[in-house]
N, C-alpha and C. Protein backbone atom coordinates (compact mmCIF):
# COMPACT_ATOMS: atom_id res chain seq x y z
N MET A 1 -98.88 5.54 -102.77
CA MET A 1 -98.84 6.93 -103.14
C MET A 1 -98.23 7.73 -101.98
N GLU A 2 -97.27 8.55 -102.29
CA GLU A 2 -96.65 9.39 -101.27
C GLU A 2 -97.40 10.70 -101.16
N THR A 3 -97.55 11.17 -99.91
CA THR A 3 -98.23 12.42 -99.64
C THR A 3 -97.36 13.25 -98.71
N LYS A 4 -97.34 14.55 -98.94
CA LYS A 4 -96.54 15.44 -98.12
C LYS A 4 -97.23 15.68 -96.78
N LEU A 5 -96.42 15.74 -95.71
CA LEU A 5 -96.92 15.98 -94.37
C LEU A 5 -96.09 17.11 -93.75
N THR A 6 -96.75 18.08 -93.16
CA THR A 6 -96.05 19.18 -92.51
C THR A 6 -96.20 19.03 -91.01
N LEU A 7 -95.09 19.10 -90.29
CA LEU A 7 -95.10 18.99 -88.84
C LEU A 7 -94.50 20.25 -88.23
N LYS A 8 -95.03 20.69 -87.11
CA LYS A 8 -94.46 21.80 -86.36
C LYS A 8 -93.78 21.23 -85.13
N LEU A 9 -92.47 21.40 -85.05
CA LEU A 9 -91.69 20.89 -83.93
C LEU A 9 -90.68 21.95 -83.52
N ASP A 10 -90.21 21.86 -82.30
CA ASP A 10 -89.16 22.74 -81.81
C ASP A 10 -87.91 22.53 -82.67
N SER A 11 -87.24 23.59 -83.01
CA SER A 11 -86.08 23.49 -83.92
C SER A 11 -84.96 22.63 -83.33
N SER A 12 -84.81 22.63 -82.01
CA SER A 12 -83.75 21.80 -81.42
C SER A 12 -84.09 20.31 -81.59
N ILE A 13 -85.38 19.96 -81.52
CA ILE A 13 -85.80 18.57 -81.73
C ILE A 13 -85.53 18.16 -83.18
N ILE A 14 -85.80 19.08 -84.11
CA ILE A 14 -85.56 18.78 -85.52
C ILE A 14 -84.07 18.56 -85.77
N ASP A 15 -83.24 19.42 -85.19
CA ASP A 15 -81.79 19.26 -85.35
C ASP A 15 -81.32 17.93 -84.77
N GLN A 16 -81.84 17.58 -83.62
CA GLN A 16 -81.48 16.31 -82.98
C GLN A 16 -81.91 15.14 -83.85
N ALA A 17 -83.10 15.22 -84.41
CA ALA A 17 -83.62 14.14 -85.26
C ALA A 17 -82.79 14.03 -86.54
N LYS A 18 -82.38 15.15 -87.10
CA LYS A 18 -81.56 15.13 -88.32
C LYS A 18 -80.22 14.45 -88.05
N LYS A 19 -79.61 14.75 -86.91
CA LYS A 19 -78.34 14.13 -86.55
C LYS A 19 -78.52 12.62 -86.37
N TYR A 20 -79.61 12.25 -85.71
CA TYR A 20 -79.92 10.84 -85.50
C TYR A 20 -80.08 10.13 -86.85
N ALA A 21 -80.81 10.75 -87.75
CA ALA A 21 -81.05 10.17 -89.08
C ALA A 21 -79.74 10.05 -89.86
N TYR A 22 -78.91 11.09 -89.80
CA TYR A 22 -77.64 11.09 -90.52
C TYR A 22 -76.73 9.95 -90.04
N LYS A 23 -76.67 9.76 -88.72
CA LYS A 23 -75.83 8.70 -88.17
C LYS A 23 -76.28 7.32 -88.62
N ARG A 24 -77.57 7.20 -88.90
CA ARG A 24 -78.12 5.91 -89.33
C ARG A 24 -78.30 5.82 -90.83
N GLN A 25 -77.76 6.82 -91.52
CA GLN A 25 -77.82 6.87 -92.99
C GLN A 25 -79.25 6.73 -93.50
N LYS A 26 -80.16 7.48 -92.87
CA LYS A 26 -81.57 7.50 -93.26
C LYS A 26 -82.00 8.94 -93.42
N SER A 27 -83.08 9.13 -94.14
CA SER A 27 -83.66 10.46 -94.22
C SER A 27 -84.58 10.67 -93.03
N LEU A 28 -84.83 11.92 -92.71
CA LEU A 28 -85.74 12.23 -91.63
C LEU A 28 -87.14 11.71 -91.97
N SER A 29 -87.52 11.85 -93.22
CA SER A 29 -88.82 11.33 -93.66
C SER A 29 -88.89 9.82 -93.47
N GLY A 30 -87.79 9.14 -93.75
CA GLY A 30 -87.74 7.69 -93.57
C GLY A 30 -87.92 7.28 -92.12
N LEU A 31 -87.30 8.06 -91.20
CA LEU A 31 -87.46 7.77 -89.78
C LEU A 31 -88.91 7.94 -89.34
N VAL A 32 -89.52 9.04 -89.79
CA VAL A 32 -90.91 9.31 -89.43
C VAL A 32 -91.83 8.23 -90.00
N GLU A 33 -91.57 7.83 -91.23
CA GLU A 33 -92.37 6.78 -91.86
C GLU A 33 -92.24 5.47 -91.08
N ASP A 34 -91.01 5.12 -90.70
CA ASP A 34 -90.81 3.90 -89.91
C ASP A 34 -91.56 3.96 -88.58
N PHE A 35 -91.52 5.14 -87.95
CA PHE A 35 -92.23 5.31 -86.69
C PHE A 35 -93.73 5.12 -86.88
N PHE A 36 -94.30 5.79 -87.88
CA PHE A 36 -95.74 5.67 -88.13
C PHE A 36 -96.12 4.25 -88.52
N ARG A 37 -95.26 3.60 -89.27
CA ARG A 37 -95.53 2.22 -89.67
C ARG A 37 -95.57 1.32 -88.43
N GLY A 38 -94.70 1.60 -87.48
CA GLY A 38 -94.65 0.81 -86.25
C GLY A 38 -95.86 1.00 -85.37
N LEU A 39 -96.55 2.11 -85.50
CA LEU A 39 -97.73 2.36 -84.67
C LEU A 39 -98.83 1.34 -84.92
N GLY A 40 -98.94 0.86 -86.13
CA GLY A 40 -99.98 -0.10 -86.46
C GLY A 40 -99.66 -1.52 -86.06
N ASN A 41 -98.48 -1.74 -85.52
CA ASN A 41 -98.05 -3.10 -85.20
C ASN A 41 -98.43 -3.55 -83.81
N ASP A 42 -99.16 -2.72 -83.06
CA ASP A 42 -99.53 -3.10 -81.71
C ASP A 42 -100.43 -4.33 -81.68
N GLU A 43 -101.33 -4.43 -82.64
CA GLU A 43 -102.26 -5.56 -82.65
C GLU A 43 -101.61 -6.85 -83.11
N SER A 44 -100.63 -6.74 -84.01
CA SER A 44 -100.04 -7.95 -84.57
C SER A 44 -98.53 -7.82 -84.62
N SER A 45 -97.85 -8.71 -83.95
CA SER A 45 -96.39 -8.67 -83.97
C SER A 45 -95.82 -9.32 -85.23
N ASN A 46 -96.70 -9.87 -86.09
CA ASN A 46 -96.23 -10.48 -87.33
C ASN A 46 -95.62 -9.46 -88.27
N ASN A 47 -96.01 -8.20 -88.17
CA ASN A 47 -95.51 -7.14 -89.04
C ASN A 47 -94.37 -6.36 -88.39
N LEU A 48 -93.83 -6.88 -87.32
CA LEU A 48 -92.79 -6.20 -86.57
C LEU A 48 -91.55 -5.98 -87.43
N ILE A 49 -91.05 -4.76 -87.45
CA ILE A 49 -89.84 -4.44 -88.19
C ILE A 49 -88.66 -4.68 -87.25
N ILE A 50 -87.81 -5.61 -87.62
CA ILE A 50 -86.67 -5.98 -86.79
C ILE A 50 -85.40 -5.44 -87.44
N ASN A 51 -84.59 -4.80 -86.62
CA ASN A 51 -83.31 -4.28 -87.07
C ASN A 51 -82.51 -5.41 -87.69
N PRO A 52 -81.85 -5.16 -88.85
CA PRO A 52 -81.09 -6.22 -89.52
C PRO A 52 -80.02 -6.87 -88.64
N VAL A 53 -79.39 -6.10 -87.76
CA VAL A 53 -78.36 -6.67 -86.88
C VAL A 53 -79.01 -7.64 -85.90
N VAL A 54 -80.16 -7.27 -85.36
CA VAL A 54 -80.87 -8.15 -84.43
C VAL A 54 -81.32 -9.41 -85.17
N ARG A 55 -81.83 -9.24 -86.38
CA ARG A 55 -82.27 -10.39 -87.17
C ARG A 55 -81.10 -11.35 -87.41
N GLU A 56 -79.92 -10.80 -87.70
CA GLU A 56 -78.75 -11.63 -87.97
C GLU A 56 -78.31 -12.41 -86.74
N LEU A 57 -78.44 -11.80 -85.56
CA LEU A 57 -78.00 -12.43 -84.33
C LEU A 57 -79.04 -13.38 -83.75
N SER A 58 -80.27 -13.28 -84.18
CA SER A 58 -81.34 -14.11 -83.64
C SER A 58 -81.06 -15.59 -83.87
N GLY A 59 -81.22 -16.38 -82.81
CA GLY A 59 -81.05 -17.82 -82.91
C GLY A 59 -79.65 -18.30 -82.65
N ILE A 60 -78.69 -17.40 -82.46
CA ILE A 60 -77.32 -17.82 -82.20
C ILE A 60 -77.20 -18.44 -80.81
N ILE A 61 -77.85 -17.82 -79.83
CA ILE A 61 -77.82 -18.33 -78.46
C ILE A 61 -79.18 -18.92 -78.15
N THR A 62 -79.18 -20.12 -77.66
CA THR A 62 -80.43 -20.78 -77.31
C THR A 62 -80.72 -20.57 -75.82
N GLU A 63 -81.94 -20.89 -75.43
CA GLU A 63 -82.31 -20.79 -74.02
C GLU A 63 -81.44 -21.71 -73.17
N LYS A 64 -81.08 -22.86 -73.72
CA LYS A 64 -80.22 -23.81 -73.01
C LYS A 64 -78.85 -23.18 -72.72
N ASP A 65 -78.35 -22.37 -73.67
CA ASP A 65 -77.03 -21.74 -73.50
C ASP A 65 -77.00 -20.77 -72.32
N ILE A 66 -78.11 -20.11 -72.05
CA ILE A 66 -78.11 -19.09 -71.00
C ILE A 66 -78.70 -19.56 -69.69
N LYS A 67 -79.17 -20.79 -69.66
CA LYS A 67 -79.77 -21.32 -68.44
C LYS A 67 -78.72 -21.34 -67.33
N GLY A 68 -79.05 -20.72 -66.21
CA GLY A 68 -78.15 -20.72 -65.07
C GLY A 68 -77.11 -19.62 -65.08
N TRP A 69 -77.09 -18.75 -66.08
CA TRP A 69 -76.07 -17.70 -66.14
C TRP A 69 -76.21 -16.73 -64.99
N GLU A 70 -77.45 -16.52 -64.50
CA GLU A 70 -77.66 -15.56 -63.42
C GLU A 70 -76.94 -16.01 -62.15
N SER A 71 -77.09 -17.28 -61.82
CA SER A 71 -76.43 -17.77 -60.61
C SER A 71 -74.91 -17.79 -60.78
N ASP A 72 -74.44 -18.13 -61.97
CA ASP A 72 -72.99 -18.11 -62.22
C ASP A 72 -72.44 -16.70 -62.06
N TYR A 73 -73.15 -15.73 -62.60
CA TYR A 73 -72.70 -14.34 -62.52
C TYR A 73 -72.77 -13.84 -61.08
N SER A 74 -73.83 -14.21 -60.37
CA SER A 74 -73.96 -13.82 -58.97
C SER A 74 -72.80 -14.39 -58.16
N ASN A 75 -72.48 -15.65 -58.39
CA ASN A 75 -71.35 -16.27 -57.69
C ASN A 75 -70.05 -15.55 -58.00
N PHE A 76 -69.86 -15.19 -59.26
CA PHE A 76 -68.66 -14.47 -59.67
C PHE A 76 -68.56 -13.14 -58.93
N LEU A 77 -69.66 -12.38 -58.86
CA LEU A 77 -69.64 -11.10 -58.19
C LEU A 77 -69.40 -11.23 -56.69
N GLU A 78 -70.00 -12.24 -56.09
CA GLU A 78 -69.80 -12.47 -54.64
C GLU A 78 -68.33 -12.74 -54.34
N LYS A 79 -67.68 -13.57 -55.15
CA LYS A 79 -66.27 -13.87 -54.95
C LYS A 79 -65.40 -12.64 -55.22
N LYS A 80 -65.78 -11.88 -56.23
CA LYS A 80 -64.99 -10.70 -56.61
C LYS A 80 -65.00 -9.65 -55.50
N TYR A 81 -66.13 -9.47 -54.85
CA TYR A 81 -66.26 -8.39 -53.87
C TYR A 81 -66.26 -8.87 -52.42
N GLU A 82 -65.68 -10.03 -52.14
CA GLU A 82 -65.57 -10.52 -50.75
C GLU A 82 -64.60 -9.69 -49.97
């Protein structure tokens, strides 16, 4: 069941939120609902809402793929700035 909620916010914050929502092709109500829904997820990460792009990219790179990248990058930077 949907229920109406009235919020008092600074008008500049509302304008900023509307622009943010528009860029993401969402309604302001949808953003607020997603935020409130996320508040209950602190106890259980099983209900975590994952961005579709992140979900699509998950599992592409394994831990084995990135093992040692820090030292490789450090070596690269040391050589670059000698």
